[in-house]
Amino acid sequence: MRRLFWQALLLIAVAAVASACDNNNNTSTPTGPSTPPTVLTETFSGTLLKNAAYTHPFSVSDSGDVTVFLLQSVDPAHPENNAIPIGVSLGTWNGVSCSIVIAHDSVMPVNSDNPSQGTLTGRATAAGNLCVRVYDVGFVPGTANYELLIDHY
């Protein structure tokens, strides 16, 4: 009887230990901080003529914000600040034309007094081909030299 008692006690102890152990091997490797994606900058420049428009295609390798910075100078010089509003648009490029998604018809060049002036920001939802378009909205007196800096992923 004593032997039956110890066997029963041993069986209960083994059952208790077995139920306390989890045989689920869900081990995960801890991950460190992820490396942020690299921001790339495209640069386009040209001379915008009165009533003209120019399209510049470029590619993005990841989703994320796309910001266009407009820099310009006008000839003949604008008496106040040598800057005039021009149109800037962002869109998708199909290899032939730019399908406009975001348009701003009165962008002034980047100004150190107002950092958000001269920018147009959109969001790419995936990698792909995009385009930026600059155009006269009726203020180019002769020519306007422009430079576009485009930050994207």
Protein backbone atom coordinates (compact mmCIF):
# COMPACT_ATOMS: atom_id res chain seq x y z
CA MET A 1 0.00 0.00 0.00
CA ARG A 2 2.85 2.26 0.85
CA ARG A 3 4.37 1.58 -2.52
CA LEU A 4 1.07 2.48 -4.28
CA PHE A 5 0.98 5.72 -2.24
CA TRP A 6 4.50 6.73 -3.39
CA GLN A 7 3.74 5.79 -6.99
CA ALA A 8 0.57 7.91 -6.91
CA LEU A 9 2.47 10.80 -5.31
CA LEU A 10 5.23 10.48 -7.92
CA LEU A 11 2.65 10.42 -10.73
CA ILE A 12 0.99 13.60 -9.38
CA ALA A 13 4.37 15.33 -9.06
CA VAL A 14 5.34 14.39 -12.64
CA ALA A 15 1.95 15.57 -13.91
CA ALA A 16 2.32 18.88 -12.04
CA VAL A 17 5.80 19.48 -13.44
CA ALA A 18 4.70 18.53 -16.94
CA SER A 19 1.73 20.88 -16.85
CA ALA A 20 3.91 23.73 -15.60
CA CYS A 21 6.30 23.37 -18.54
CA ASP A 22 5.35 24.97 -21.81
CA ASN A 23 6.56 23.07 -24.80
CA ASN A 24 5.76 25.97 -27.11
CA ASN A 25 9.02 27.06 -28.75
CA ASN A 26 8.00 30.62 -29.62
CA THR A 27 11.38 32.12 -29.23
CA SER A 28 11.91 35.41 -30.99
CA THR A 29 15.15 37.06 -31.74
CA PRO A 30 15.22 40.55 -30.33
CA THR A 31 15.63 43.20 -32.98
CA GLY A 32 17.51 46.41 -32.61
CA PRO A 33 16.32 49.74 -33.86
CA SER A 34 15.59 49.72 -37.56
CA THR A 35 17.71 51.81 -39.86
CA PRO A 36 15.71 54.70 -41.26
CA PRO A 37 15.41 54.74 -45.03
CA THR A 38 17.83 56.94 -46.93
CA VAL A 39 16.43 60.20 -48.20
CA LEU A 40 17.47 60.86 -51.78
CA THR A 41 17.57 64.31 -53.38
CA GLU A 42 16.89 64.87 -57.06
CA THR A 43 17.91 68.20 -58.62
CA PHE A 44 16.38 69.68 -61.75
CA SER A 45 17.02 73.10 -63.18
CA GLY A 46 16.13 75.09 -66.24
CA THR A 47 14.88 78.34 -67.63
CA LEU A 48 11.13 78.86 -67.57
CA LEU A 49 9.92 81.04 -70.44
CA LYS A 50 6.75 83.10 -70.47
CA ASN A 51 3.71 80.79 -70.87
CA ALA A 52 5.92 77.66 -70.84
CA ALA A 53 5.87 74.47 -68.77
CA TYR A 54 8.45 71.73 -68.17
CA THR A 55 8.10 68.23 -66.75
CA HIS A 56 10.86 66.32 -64.96
CA PRO A 57 10.30 62.56 -64.28
CA PHE A 58 12.03 60.75 -61.40
CA SER A 59 11.71 57.46 -59.51
CA VAL A 60 11.12 56.73 -55.84
CA SER A 61 12.30 53.47 -54.30
CA ASP A 62 9.95 53.39 -51.31
CA SER A 63 6.77 54.91 -49.95
CA GLY A 64 7.05 58.13 -48.01
CA ASP A 65 6.92 61.90 -48.24
CA VAL A 66 8.05 63.63 -51.40
CA THR A 67 8.97 67.30 -50.93
CA VAL A 68 9.78 69.76 -53.69
CA PHE A 69 11.81 72.88 -52.87
CA LEU A 70 11.67 75.70 -55.44
CA LEU A 71 14.63 78.04 -55.95
CA GLN A 72 14.55 80.69 -58.67
CA SER A 73 15.81 83.94 -60.07
CA VAL A 74 14.03 86.15 -62.56
CA ASP A 75 15.35 88.01 -65.61
CA PRO A 76 14.69 90.91 -65.73
CA ALA A 77 15.07 91.11 -61.96
CA HIS A 78 11.86 91.61 -59.99
CA PRO A 79 12.26 94.93 -58.16
CA GLU A 80 11.14 93.70 -54.70
CA ASN A 81 12.81 90.35 -54.22
CA ASN A 82 13.79 88.88 -57.60
CA ALA A 83 11.08 86.22 -57.16
CA ILE A 84 7.71 85.58 -58.74
CA PRO A 85 5.11 82.87 -58.19
CA ILE A 86 5.21 79.94 -60.59
CA GLY A 87 3.20 76.75 -60.71
CA VAL A 88 4.59 73.50 -59.32
CA SER A 89 2.83 70.12 -59.54
CA LEU A 90 3.58 66.55 -58.47
CA GLY A 91 2.16 63.54 -60.23
CA THR A 92 2.71 60.06 -61.56
CA TRP A 93 4.78 59.43 -64.67
CA ASN A 94 3.64 56.79 -67.18
CA GLY A 95 6.63 57.16 -69.51
CA VAL A 96 4.92 59.72 -71.74
CA SER A 97 3.02 62.19 -69.61
CA CYS A 98 2.62 63.47 -66.06
CA SER A 99 -0.72 62.76 -64.43
CA ILE A 100 -0.99 65.57 -61.87
CA VAL A 101 -1.96 64.56 -58.33
CA ILE A 102 -1.04 67.71 -56.38
CA ALA A 103 -0.84 71.18 -57.92
CA HIS A 104 0.08 74.52 -56.43
CA ASP A 105 -0.38 77.35 -58.92
CA SER A 106 1.36 80.04 -56.91
CA VAL A 107 4.58 78.78 -55.34
CA MET A 108 7.10 81.40 -54.27
CA PRO A 109 10.76 80.37 -54.02
CA VAL A 110 12.25 79.10 -50.76
CA ASN A 111 12.77 81.99 -48.38
CA SER A 112 14.94 81.94 -45.25
CA ASP A 113 12.34 84.10 -43.43
CA ASN A 114 9.59 81.56 -44.12
CA PRO A 115 11.02 77.99 -44.39
CA SER A 116 7.75 76.43 -45.60
CA GLN A 117 7.51 78.91 -48.47
CA GLY A 118 8.63 77.41 -51.72
CA THR A 119 7.76 73.83 -50.85
CA LEU A 120 5.19 71.36 -52.10
CA THR A 121 4.81 68.05 -50.26
CA GLY A 122 3.01 64.90 -51.29
CA ARG A 123 3.19 61.23 -50.30
CA ALA A 124 4.23 58.29 -52.44
CA THR A 125 2.27 55.19 -51.44
CA ALA A 126 4.76 52.81 -53.07
CA ALA A 127 7.89 52.71 -55.18
CA GLY A 128 7.31 54.01 -58.67
CA ASN A 129 7.74 56.72 -61.27
CA LEU A 130 6.74 60.25 -60.37
CA CYS A 131 7.10 63.64 -62.03
CA VAL A 132 7.35 67.29 -61.09
CA ARG A 133 6.07 70.00 -63.41
CA VAL A 134 6.90 73.71 -63.34
CA TYR A 135 4.85 76.22 -65.31
CA ASP A 136 4.25 79.92 -65.79
CA VAL A 137 1.01 81.11 -64.24
CA GLY A 138 1.22 84.52 -65.89
CA PHE A 139 4.00 86.22 -63.93
CA VAL A 140 7.16 85.32 -65.86
CA PRO A 141 8.23 88.65 -67.43
CA GLY A 142 10.89 87.21 -69.75
CA THR A 143 12.57 84.19 -68.19
CA ALA A 144 12.80 82.67 -64.74
CA ASN A 145 15.70 80.39 -63.91
CA TYR A 146 14.51 77.69 -61.55
CA GLU A 147 16.04 74.90 -59.53
CA LEU A 148 13.98 72.12 -57.98
CA LEU A 149 15.32 70.01 -55.12
CA ILE A 150 13.18 66.92 -54.48
CA ASP A 151 13.60 64.88 -51.31
CA HIS A 152 12.13 61.36 -51.35
CA TYR A 153 12.78 57.75 -50.32
